[in-house]
Amino acid sequence: MEGCNRAQALMLDDRYSLLFLQDRATAPTPKARSFELTGDRVQYAPDRPADVKHVKLVITLDFEQETVSGTVSTTFAALYEEVKSISFDAIDLQVERITLADGKELAFSNDGKKLTVTLDRPYQHGEEFTVAVQYHAKPRTGLHFIKPAPEDPTRPVQAWTFGQPRYHSYWFPCHDAPNDRATTEIIVTVPAHFQTVANGNLIGVTDHGATKTHHWRHDIPHAAYLISLVVSDFAVVEDSYNGKPVNYYVRPDRKDDARYYMGKTPEMMRFFAEYTGVDYPYDKYAQTVVEIYTGAMEHTTATTHSFMLLMDERAALDFDLVPVVAHELAHQWFGDLVTCRDWPNGWLNEGFAT
């Protein structure tokens, strides 16, 4: 039966919402650590010599090689006097070159986990600077490439990201912790027939013939783990809330099922706005349904759902998975607009959204 059965309905915990491809010949994927329990050693948020103000990704995805390449430019403001170096979380990334915004080369060291950059001079408190890292990677987590397989030849080609709690540093250099918030920009080049969904607004699309470059920008600061990029050939079901687009992205053969699972979203948005006294804070809300994924994840303005949660008309009679949609939507207020400082307090995100 198409849709969702009872066993699938149990797999809804978005803290562990990854099901990795068994046929990928990669190193073992690291497991997310659960939220700390009573008696666990306290895990504090990492120190920051500078505040991340803006993150701009200019990247190309290679679906055949399952790689990402490009440049991430991060704008910082020094938090202390005499800031002489900056470090990024960067796991198994091949770094080619690092410069300032004016093109001046910077020295760096890369141990496969931390990327440490020596700045051209000491920066004083409040002074801003931009560091551009040119890199490429074949991520073993964080960014996932999906394609047809012998056991599922109709599986669509897709790419999607998942960052909670610390997975984005496997596909681009970043401050991979929730205690810093920045505006973000994703400029991504993909095969021309694909659509993309990312945080914020689609600024424009440039047609290169065989490929297209999609430019997304989100102007409200959010934590790095909430960055999202999803790429595939989607059917789009359009909805709205107070004039804001509320769209559902699904594989074309499941377009008729989108409203059974997500169709009450505008009504939920109205309820949360009235209940909290804070209207939905962003310009749009997108929900994508992807393959080889379990549960759901509340990326800012762009929630990702598992294909196993998408119900057809028959399944909708037996299973009510609409609360999952409500839970992820609630995170747009509790978790996205307001975020826990560190992961030992991640229960705050989940508690208010439950």
Protein backbone atom coordinates (compact mmCIF):
# COMPACT_ATOMS: atom_id res chain seq x y z
CA MET A 1 0.00 0.00 0.00
CA GLU A 2 1.26 3.47 -0.84
CA GLY A 3 1.54 5.95 2.01
CA CYS A 4 2.49 5.26 5.60
CA ASN A 5 2.05 2.14 7.69
CA ARG A 6 2.14 1.84 11.47
CA ALA A 7 5.81 0.86 11.66
CA GLN A 8 6.77 3.87 9.58
CA ALA A 9 4.63 6.09 11.77
CA LEU A 10 6.84 5.30 14.74
CA MET A 11 9.93 6.81 13.12
CA LEU A 12 9.17 10.44 13.78
CA ASP A 13 11.93 11.68 16.07
CA ASP A 14 13.61 14.46 14.09
CA ARG A 15 16.76 14.31 16.21
CA TYR A 16 17.71 11.06 14.49
CA SER A 17 15.98 11.55 11.17
CA LEU A 18 18.58 10.08 8.84
CA LEU A 19 18.51 6.74 7.08
CA PHE A 20 21.79 6.34 5.25
CA LEU A 21 22.16 4.60 1.93
CA GLN A 22 23.35 1.05 2.46
CA ASP A 23 24.88 0.85 -1.00
CA ARG A 24 27.26 3.80 -0.51
CA ALA A 25 30.86 2.66 -0.13
CA THR A 26 31.82 5.31 2.40
CA ALA A 27 33.32 5.47 5.85
CA PRO A 28 30.90 4.82 8.71
CA THR A 29 28.59 7.74 9.25
CA PRO A 30 28.92 9.36 12.67
CA LYS A 31 25.92 9.06 14.91
CA ALA A 32 24.21 12.09 16.37
CA ARG A 33 24.58 12.34 20.10
CA SER A 34 21.29 12.44 21.95
CA PHE A 35 20.28 15.36 24.13
CA GLU A 36 22.07 15.12 27.47
CA LEU A 37 20.39 13.39 30.37
CA THR A 38 20.54 14.06 34.10
CA GLY A 39 24.03 13.25 35.32
CA ASP A 40 25.76 13.67 31.95
CA ARG A 41 28.88 15.81 31.77
CA VAL A 42 27.93 19.38 30.90
CA GLN A 43 28.64 20.32 27.27
CA TYR A 44 29.08 24.06 26.86
CA ALA A 45 28.70 26.04 23.66
CA PRO A 46 32.06 26.61 21.91
CA ASP A 47 33.82 29.93 22.35
CA ARG A 48 33.68 32.44 19.50
CA PRO A 49 36.38 35.05 18.84
CA ALA A 50 34.09 36.60 16.22
CA ASP A 51 30.37 36.77 15.53
CA VAL A 52 29.19 35.23 12.26
CA LYS A 53 27.11 37.86 10.44
CA HIS A 54 26.50 36.34 7.00
CA VAL A 55 27.23 33.03 5.25
CA LYS A 56 27.26 32.94 1.44
CA LEU A 57 27.59 29.60 -0.34
CA VAL A 58 28.39 29.58 -4.08
CA ILE A 59 28.46 25.90 -4.98
CA THR A 60 27.98 23.34 -7.72
CA LEU A 61 26.53 19.87 -7.11
CA ASP A 62 27.82 16.94 -9.17
CA PHE A 63 25.19 14.20 -8.99
CA GLU A 64 27.31 11.61 -10.81
CA GLN A 65 30.32 11.99 -8.51
CA GLU A 66 28.18 12.92 -5.47
CA THR A 67 30.39 15.91 -4.74
CA VAL A 68 30.04 19.57 -3.87
CA SER A 69 32.53 22.26 -4.86
CA GLY A 70 32.64 26.01 -4.59
CA THR A 71 33.30 28.85 -2.19
CA VAL A 72 31.78 29.75 1.15
CA SER A 73 32.26 33.38 2.19
CA THR A 74 31.70 34.09 5.88
CA THR A 75 31.45 37.63 7.20
CA PHE A 76 32.55 38.05 10.82
CA ALA A 77 32.57 40.84 13.40
CA ALA A 78 35.36 40.57 15.97
CA LEU A 79 34.09 40.02 19.52
CA TYR A 80 37.42 40.75 21.22
CA GLU A 81 40.43 42.96 20.69
CA GLU A 82 43.29 41.60 18.61
CA VAL A 83 41.49 38.75 16.84
CA LYS A 84 44.27 37.15 14.81
CA SER A 85 42.77 33.87 13.64
CA ILE A 86 39.45 32.19 12.92
CA SER A 87 38.54 28.51 12.94
CA PHE A 88 35.82 26.61 11.11
CA ASP A 89 34.38 23.17 11.69
CA ALA A 90 35.39 21.37 8.49
CA ILE A 91 35.32 17.58 8.48
CA ASP A 92 37.07 15.80 5.60
CA LEU A 93 36.86 18.86 3.34
CA GLN A 94 39.51 19.49 0.69
CA VAL A 95 40.41 23.16 1.06
CA GLU A 96 42.10 24.69 -1.97
CA ARG A 97 42.46 28.37 -1.21
CA ILE A 98 41.41 30.95 1.39
CA THR A 99 41.26 34.69 0.80
CA LEU A 100 39.81 37.88 2.19
CA ALA A 101 37.06 39.63 0.26
CA ASP A 102 39.68 41.69 -1.59
CA GLY A 103 41.44 38.55 -2.82
CA LYS A 104 44.37 38.65 -0.40
CA GLU A 105 45.56 35.09 0.31
CA LEU A 106 45.48 33.81 3.87
CA ALA A 107 47.54 31.05 5.47
CA PHE A 108 45.63 28.13 6.98
CA SER A 109 45.94 24.69 8.52
CA ASN A 110 43.46 21.86 8.00
CA ASP A 111 43.58 18.76 10.21
CA GLY A 112 40.43 17.18 8.75
CA LYS A 113 38.23 18.39 11.59
CA LYS A 114 39.17 22.02 12.20
CA LEU A 115 40.17 24.59 9.62
CA THR A 116 42.23 27.35 11.23
CA VAL A 117 42.83 30.55 9.28
CA THR A 118 45.51 33.10 10.13
CA LEU A 119 44.17 36.57 9.41
CA ASP A 120 46.21 39.24 7.61
CA ARG A 121 46.31 41.42 10.76
CA PRO A 122 44.70 41.69 14.20
CA TYR A 123 41.07 42.80 14.04
CA GLN A 124 39.59 44.98 16.76
CA HIS A 125 36.29 44.57 18.57
CA GLY A 126 33.37 45.19 16.21
CA GLU A 127 35.52 45.27 13.09
CA GLU A 128 34.10 43.22 10.23
CA PHE A 129 35.95 41.01 7.75
CA THR A 130 35.02 38.33 5.23
CA VAL A 131 36.87 35.04 4.78
CA ALA A 132 36.29 33.10 1.53
CA VAL A 133 37.11 29.37 1.54
CA GLN A 134 37.38 27.59 -1.80
CA TYR A 135 36.86 23.86 -1.29
CA HIS A 136 35.41 20.60 -2.56
CA ALA A 137 34.06 17.53 -0.78
CA LYS A 138 32.44 14.14 -1.19
CA PRO A 139 30.35 14.26 1.98
CA ARG A 140 29.61 11.11 3.93
CA THR A 141 26.82 12.90 5.77
CA GLY A 142 25.21 16.35 5.95
CA LEU A 143 24.60 16.50 2.19
CA HIS A 144 23.05 13.37 0.68
CA PHE A 145 22.71 12.36 -2.95
CA ILE A 146 19.84 10.01 -3.78
CA LYS A 147 19.48 8.01 -6.99
CA PRO A 148 17.66 4.93 -8.32
CA ALA A 149 18.86 1.58 -7.01
CA PRO A 150 18.25 -2.06 -8.03
CA GLU A 151 15.85 -2.50 -5.13
CA ASP A 152 14.03 0.74 -6.06
CA PRO A 153 14.53 1.62 -9.74
CA THR A 154 11.82 4.31 -9.64
CA ARG A 155 13.51 6.24 -6.85
CA PRO A 156 13.97 9.86 -7.98
CA VAL A 157 17.30 11.63 -8.19
CA GLN A 158 17.59 14.06 -5.28
CA ALA A 159 20.02 15.89 -3.07
CA TRP A 160 19.13 17.11 0.40
CA THR A 161 20.87 18.39 3.50
CA PHE A 162 20.43 17.63 7.18
CA GLY A 163 22.45 19.52 9.79
CA GLN A 164 21.13 18.73 13.27
CA PRO A 165 23.08 18.62 15.47
CA ARG A 166 26.52 19.04 13.79
CA TYR A 167 26.42 17.64 10.26
CA HIS A 168 26.79 20.70 8.03
CA SER A 169 30.54 20.83 8.63
CA TYR A 170 30.77 17.65 6.53
CA TRP A 171 29.83 19.59 3.39
CA PHE A 172 30.93 23.19 3.99
CA PRO A 173 33.18 25.00 6.49
CA CYS A 174 31.08 26.63 9.20
CA HIS A 175 30.61 27.35 12.89
CA ASP A 176 28.66 24.14 13.44
CA ALA A 177 27.00 25.00 16.74
CA PRO A 178 23.68 26.66 17.62
CA ASN A 179 25.19 29.56 19.60
CA ASP A 180 25.69 31.80 16.57
CA ARG A 181 23.09 33.11 14.14
CA ALA A 182 23.63 34.62 10.72
CA THR A 183 21.81 35.58 7.56
CA THR A 184 22.45 33.10 4.77
CA GLU A 185 22.71 32.92 1.02
CA ILE A 186 22.90 29.86 -1.23
CA ILE A 187 23.82 30.21 -4.89
CA VAL A 188 23.75 26.68 -6.30
CA THR A 189 24.26 25.33 -9.81
CA VAL A 190 22.35 22.14 -10.66
CA PRO A 191 21.11 20.30 -13.78
CA ALA A 192 18.62 22.49 -15.61
CA HIS A 193 15.57 20.25 -15.11
CA PHE A 194 15.83 20.31 -11.31
CA GLN A 195 14.14 22.63 -8.86
CA THR A 196 15.74 23.79 -5.64
CA VAL A 197 14.29 24.69 -2.26
CA ALA A 198 16.33 26.55 0.34
CA ASN A 199 15.95 29.00 3.20
CA GLY A 200 14.35 32.34 2.48
CA ASN A 201 13.44 33.78 -0.90
CA LEU A 202 14.43 32.75 -4.41
CA ILE A 203 16.16 35.86 -5.74
CA GLY A 204 16.66 34.61 -9.28
CA VAL A 205 17.53 31.77 -11.63
CA THR A 206 20.22 32.00 -14.33
CA ASP A 207 19.91 29.62 -17.28
CA HIS A 208 23.20 28.22 -18.64
CA GLY A 209 21.62 25.66 -20.97
CA ALA A 210 22.46 22.29 -19.41
CA THR A 211 22.52 23.78 -15.92
CA LYS A 212 20.81 26.53 -13.98
CA THR A 213 22.03 28.59 -11.05
CA HIS A 214 19.47 29.26 -8.30
CA HIS A 215 20.04 32.15 -5.89
CA TRP A 216 18.38 31.93 -2.45
CA ARG A 217 18.71 34.43 0.37
CA HIS A 218 17.41 34.45 3.96
CA ASP A 219 17.66 37.82 5.70
CA ILE A 220 16.65 36.83 9.24
CA PRO A 221 19.58 35.37 11.25
CA HIS A 222 19.35 31.68 12.13
CA ALA A 223 21.64 28.94 13.43
CA ALA A 224 23.85 27.00 11.03
CA TYR A 225 22.13 23.65 11.58
CA LEU A 226 18.90 25.14 10.19
CA ILE A 227 20.42 25.82 6.75
CA SER A 228 18.70 23.70 4.10
CA LEU A 229 19.09 22.83 0.44
CA VAL A 230 16.89 20.31 -1.39
CA VAL A 231 17.22 19.53 -5.11
CA SER A 232 15.02 17.32 -7.29
CA ASP A 233 12.38 17.21 -9.99
CA PHE A 234 9.36 18.19 -7.89
CA ALA A 235 5.69 18.72 -8.45
CA VAL A 236 4.57 21.81 -6.56
CA VAL A 237 1.24 22.19 -4.78
CA GLU A 238 0.63 25.86 -4.02
CA ASP A 239 -1.10 27.21 -0.93
CA SER A 240 -0.89 30.47 1.04
CA TYR A 241 -1.23 32.10 4.45
CA ASN A 242 -1.89 35.84 4.75
CA GLY A 243 -0.51 36.37 1.27
CA LYS A 244 2.66 34.39 1.96
CA PRO A 245 3.40 31.35 -0.23
CA VAL A 246 2.96 28.00 1.51
CA ASN A 247 4.06 25.38 -1.01
CA TYR A 248 4.41 21.60 -0.89
CA TYR A 249 7.11 19.91 -2.99
CA VAL A 250 6.62 16.21 -3.76
CA ARG A 251 7.65 13.71 -6.43
CA PRO A 252 5.28 14.10 -9.41
CA ASP A 253 3.56 10.73 -8.94
CA ARG A 254 2.55 11.73 -5.38
CA LYS A 255 1.18 15.20 -6.15
CA ASP A 256 -2.41 14.19 -5.38
CA ASP A 257 -1.36 12.99 -1.92
CA ALA A 258 0.30 16.23 -0.80
CA ARG A 259 -2.83 17.79 0.69
CA TYR A 260 -3.73 14.71 2.75
CA TYR A 261 -0.55 15.24 4.75
CA MET A 262 0.21 18.97 4.51
CA GLY A 263 -3.04 20.62 3.46
CA LYS A 264 -3.93 21.95 6.93
CA THR A 265 -0.71 23.96 7.18
CA PRO A 266 -2.27 27.44 6.65
CA GLU A 267 -4.85 26.70 9.35
CA MET A 268 -2.04 25.63 11.70
CA MET A 269 -0.09 28.81 10.96
CA ARG A 270 -3.11 30.88 11.87
CA PHE A 271 -3.52 28.95 15.13
CA PHE A 272 0.14 29.31 16.17
CA ALA A 273 0.10 33.02 15.37
CA GLU A 274 -2.95 33.55 17.56
CA TYR A 275 -1.71 31.26 20.34
CA THR A 276 1.77 32.81 20.61
CA GLY A 277 0.81 36.38 19.77
CA VAL A 278 3.59 36.36 17.16
CA ASP A 279 2.66 36.07 13.51
CA TYR A 280 4.57 33.65 11.29
CA PRO A 281 7.88 35.53 11.09
CA TYR A 282 9.14 34.61 7.62
CA ASP A 283 8.26 35.42 4.00
CA LYS A 284 7.40 31.89 2.94
CA TYR A 285 6.98 28.35 4.21
CA ALA A 286 8.01 25.41 2.06
CA GLN A 287 7.64 21.72 2.84
CA THR A 288 9.57 19.19 0.78
CA VAL A 289 9.10 15.42 0.79
CA VAL A 290 12.30 13.46 0.08
CA GLU A 291 13.52 9.88 -0.22
CA ILE A 292 15.78 7.80 2.08
CA TYR A 293 14.86 9.96 5.03
CA THR A 294 12.86 9.32 8.18
CA GLY A 295 10.95 11.77 10.33
CA ALA A 296 11.10 15.48 9.58
CA MET A 297 13.32 18.51 10.18
CA GLU A 298 12.35 22.12 10.79
CA HIS A 299 14.84 24.02 8.61
CA THR A 300 14.02 27.72 8.71
CA THR A 301 11.24 28.48 6.18
CA ALA A 302 11.82 25.07 4.55
CA THR A 303 10.84 21.94 6.48
CA THR A 304 11.91 18.56 5.08
CA HIS A 305 9.64 15.52 5.49
CA SER A 306 10.15 11.82 4.87
CA PHE A 307 8.42 10.19 1.92
CA MET A 308 7.17 7.60 4.43
CA LEU A 309 4.94 10.22 6.05
CA LEU A 310 3.16 11.13 2.82
CA MET A 311 -0.24 9.43 2.97
CA ASP A 312 -2.57 8.54 0.15
CA GLU A 313 -6.36 8.77 0.55
CA ARG A 314 -6.67 5.23 1.93
CA ALA A 315 -3.84 5.57 4.47
CA ALA A 316 -5.27 8.87 5.67
CA LEU A 317 -8.32 6.97 6.94
CA ASP A 318 -6.19 4.88 9.31
CA PHE A 319 -3.27 7.08 10.34
CA ASP A 320 -3.17 10.65 11.52
CA LEU A 321 0.34 11.96 10.90
CA VAL A 322 -0.78 15.58 10.58
CA PRO A 323 0.62 16.29 14.11
CA VAL A 324 4.09 15.84 12.61
CA VAL A 325 3.35 18.76 10.28
CA ALA A 326 2.19 20.81 13.28
CA HIS A 327 5.28 19.89 15.31
CA GLU A 328 7.70 20.98 12.59
CA LEU A 329 5.72 24.15 11.95
CA ALA A 330 5.81 24.99 15.68
CA HIS A 331 9.60 24.82 15.47
CA GLN A 332 9.54 27.86 13.17
CA TRP A 333 8.76 29.79 16.36
CA PHE A 334 10.45 27.51 18.95
CA GLY A 335 13.79 26.35 17.63
CA ASP A 336 14.20 28.60 14.58
CA LEU A 337 13.11 32.12 15.55
CA VAL A 338 14.31 31.35 19.11
CA THR A 339 17.05 28.71 19.39
CA CYS A 340 18.71 26.86 22.24
CA ARG A 341 22.23 28.13 23.00
CA ASP A 342 23.78 24.65 23.10
CA TRP A 343 22.68 21.06 22.55
CA PRO A 344 22.34 20.06 26.22
CA ASN A 345 19.41 22.48 26.15
CA GLY A 346 17.99 21.13 22.90
CA TRP A 347 15.02 19.81 24.86
CA LEU A 348 13.79 23.42 24.92
CA ASN A 349 13.39 23.34 21.14
CA GLU A 350 11.57 20.02 21.28
CA GLY A 351 9.56 20.67 24.42
CA PHE A 352 7.89 23.85 23.21
CA ALA A 353 7.15 22.25 19.81
CA THR A 354 5.59 19.09 21.26
